[in-house]
Amino acid sequence: MIIEINYLSIALLAGIASALIAGVWAIGRTFLQQYGAMLADQLAAHRDSEAARSAAVERRLEAIESDLDSRMADHATRISRLEGIVSKAPTHDDLSKLYEKQNETARTLATLLGEVKGQGDTLRLILNQIAQKGMQ
């Protein structure tokens, strides 16, 4: 058996195969370029939208910070005003001294009231004695 190799057929098959491979490679390369361009556009759009969102968040944070700073300043003035008022207010020691003096005054008043009642009773007794001796 003799195998006859036809170089023309092999050359034609090799040419067709290389043409097919080149065509698939060209189509794949074109597809990958288009896909890469599409991904690049999507990435650019995503970065732009992310930058816009980041700028919006930054503006909101700055607005919140400025509002918070103004509130903090207002609270600081209010707290300092309250501290000034509290420093002039009576302390527990002052109130205990005041209650002690009030209790002392109440005791003195009770003593005076007892003495006045005693004087009244003595005066009635004297008047009663004068009235009884004056009648005899």
Protein backbone atom coordinates (compact mmCIF):
# COMPACT_ATOMS: atom_id res chain seq x y z
CA MET A 1 0.00 0.00 0.00
CA ILE A 2 1.35 3.24 -1.05
CA ILE A 3 0.33 6.46 0.64
CA GLU A 4 0.28 9.24 -1.76
CA ILE A 5 0.74 12.69 -0.22
CA ASN A 6 -0.65 15.45 -2.27
CA TYR A 7 1.19 18.57 -1.17
CA LEU A 8 -1.29 20.83 -2.89
CA SER A 9 -4.16 19.45 -0.81
CA ILE A 10 -2.14 19.82 2.36
CA ALA A 11 -1.17 23.36 1.42
CA LEU A 12 -4.81 24.19 0.66
CA LEU A 13 -6.00 22.64 3.94
CA ALA A 14 -3.27 24.46 5.85
CA GLY A 15 -4.23 27.73 4.16
CA ILE A 16 -7.93 27.23 4.92
CA ALA A 17 -7.13 26.27 8.53
CA SER A 18 -4.86 29.29 8.99
CA ALA A 19 -7.51 31.53 7.38
CA LEU A 20 -10.15 30.15 9.78
CA ILE A 21 -7.85 30.60 12.74
CA ALA A 22 -6.99 34.14 11.61
CA GLY A 23 -10.70 34.92 11.14
CA VAL A 24 -11.61 33.58 14.60
CA TRP A 25 -8.68 35.46 16.08
CA ALA A 26 -9.73 38.70 14.32
CA ILE A 27 -13.36 38.29 15.41
CA GLY A 28 -12.26 37.51 18.99
CA ARG A 29 -9.90 40.47 19.05
CA THR A 30 -12.61 42.80 17.73
CA PHE A 31 -15.10 41.42 20.24
CA LEU A 32 -12.62 41.84 23.11
CA GLN A 33 -11.80 45.40 22.00
CA GLN A 34 -15.49 46.29 21.90
CA TYR A 35 -16.08 44.56 25.24
CA GLY A 36 -13.07 46.37 26.73
CA ALA A 37 -14.36 49.71 25.40
CA MET A 38 -17.81 48.96 26.85
CA LEU A 39 -16.27 48.09 30.23
CA ALA A 40 -14.14 51.25 30.12
CA ASP A 41 -17.26 53.34 29.41
CA GLN A 42 -19.14 51.64 32.24
CA LEU A 43 -16.21 52.16 34.59
CA ALA A 44 -15.98 55.84 33.63
CA ALA A 45 -19.74 56.26 34.15
CA HIS A 46 -19.51 54.47 37.49
CA ARG A 47 -16.60 56.66 38.59
CA ASP A 48 -18.50 59.79 37.51
CA SER A 49 -21.63 58.76 39.40
CA GLU A 50 -19.53 57.76 42.41
CA ALA A 51 -17.79 61.14 42.32
CA ALA A 52 -21.18 62.89 42.12
CA ARG A 53 -22.52 60.85 45.06
CA SER A 54 -19.34 61.49 47.02
CA ALA A 55 -19.63 65.23 46.37
CA ALA A 56 -23.29 65.18 47.45
CA VAL A 57 -22.43 63.31 50.64
CA GLU A 58 -19.58 65.72 51.31
CA ARG A 59 -21.91 68.72 50.87
CA ARG A 60 -24.44 67.15 53.24
CA LEU A 61 -21.74 66.43 55.81
CA GLU A 62 -20.45 70.00 55.57
CA ALA A 63 -23.98 71.33 56.06
CA ILE A 64 -24.48 69.05 59.05
CA GLU A 65 -21.10 70.08 60.49
CA SER A 66 -21.86 73.79 60.13
CA ASP A 67 -25.30 73.28 61.71
CA LEU A 68 -23.73 71.27 64.51
CA ASP A 69 -21.04 73.91 65.04
CA SER A 70 -23.67 76.64 65.37
CA ARG A 71 -25.67 74.49 67.78
CA MET A 72 -22.56 73.74 69.81
CA ALA A 73 -21.75 77.45 70.04
CA ASP A 74 -25.33 78.15 71.14
CA HIS A 75 -25.15 75.38 73.72
CA ALA A 76 -21.80 76.67 74.97
CA THR A 77 -23.25 80.15 75.59
CA ARG A 78 -26.32 78.67 77.27
CA ILE A 79 -24.19 76.43 79.49
CA SER A 80 -21.90 79.31 80.48
CA ARG A 81 -24.97 81.43 81.31
CA LEU A 82 -26.37 78.60 83.45
CA GLU A 83 -23.02 78.13 85.18
CA GLY A 84 -23.02 81.84 86.04
CA ILE A 85 -26.51 81.57 87.51
CA VAL A 86 -25.67 78.39 89.43
CA SER A 87 -22.57 79.98 90.95
CA LYS A 88 -24.83 82.61 92.58
CA ALA A 89 -27.40 80.09 93.82
CA PRO A 90 -27.37 78.99 97.47
CA THR A 91 -25.50 75.81 98.25
CA HIS A 92 -26.58 72.95 100.50
CA ASP A 93 -24.46 74.43 103.28
CA ASP A 94 -26.21 77.79 102.89
CA LEU A 95 -29.62 76.11 102.99
CA SER A 96 -28.71 74.07 106.08
CA LYS A 97 -27.62 77.28 107.87
CA LEU A 98 -30.88 78.94 106.82
CA TYR A 99 -32.96 76.03 108.14
CA GLU A 100 -30.95 76.07 111.38
CA LYS A 101 -31.67 79.79 111.86
CA GLN A 102 -35.33 79.24 111.03
CA ASN A 103 -35.55 76.47 113.63
CA GLU A 104 -33.77 78.67 116.19
CA THR A 105 -36.24 81.49 115.47
CA ALA A 106 -39.14 79.06 115.87
CA ARG A 107 -37.77 77.91 119.26
CA THR A 108 -37.29 81.53 120.39
CA LEU A 109 -40.80 82.40 119.27
CA ALA A 110 -42.21 79.41 121.16
CA THR A 111 -40.33 80.54 124.28
CA LEU A 112 -41.62 84.10 123.90
CA LEU A 113 -45.14 82.81 123.37
CA GLY A 114 -44.89 80.78 126.57
CA GLU A 115 -43.59 83.80 128.47
CA VAL A 116 -46.39 86.03 127.15
CA LYS A 117 -48.97 83.42 128.17
CA GLY A 118 -47.32 83.23 131.59
CA GLN A 119 -47.45 87.02 131.89
CA GLY A 120 -51.09 86.99 130.86
CA ASP A 121 -51.88 84.33 133.46
CA THR A 122 -49.96 86.28 136.11
CA LEU A 123 -51.79 89.49 135.20
CA ARG A 124 -55.16 87.71 135.46
CA LEU A 125 -54.17 86.30 138.82
CA ILE A 126 -53.14 89.74 140.07
CA LEU A 127 -56.36 91.29 138.78
CA ASN A 128 -58.33 88.49 140.37
CA GLN A 129 -56.56 89.08 143.71
CA ILE A 130 -57.18 92.84 143.46
CA ALA A 131 -60.80 92.26 142.61
CA GLN A 132 -61.27 89.87 145.57
CA LYS A 133 -59.46 92.10 148.12
CA GLY A 134 -61.15 95.19 146.83
CA MET A 135 -64.52 93.59 147.50
CA GLN A 136 -63.77 92.69 151.11
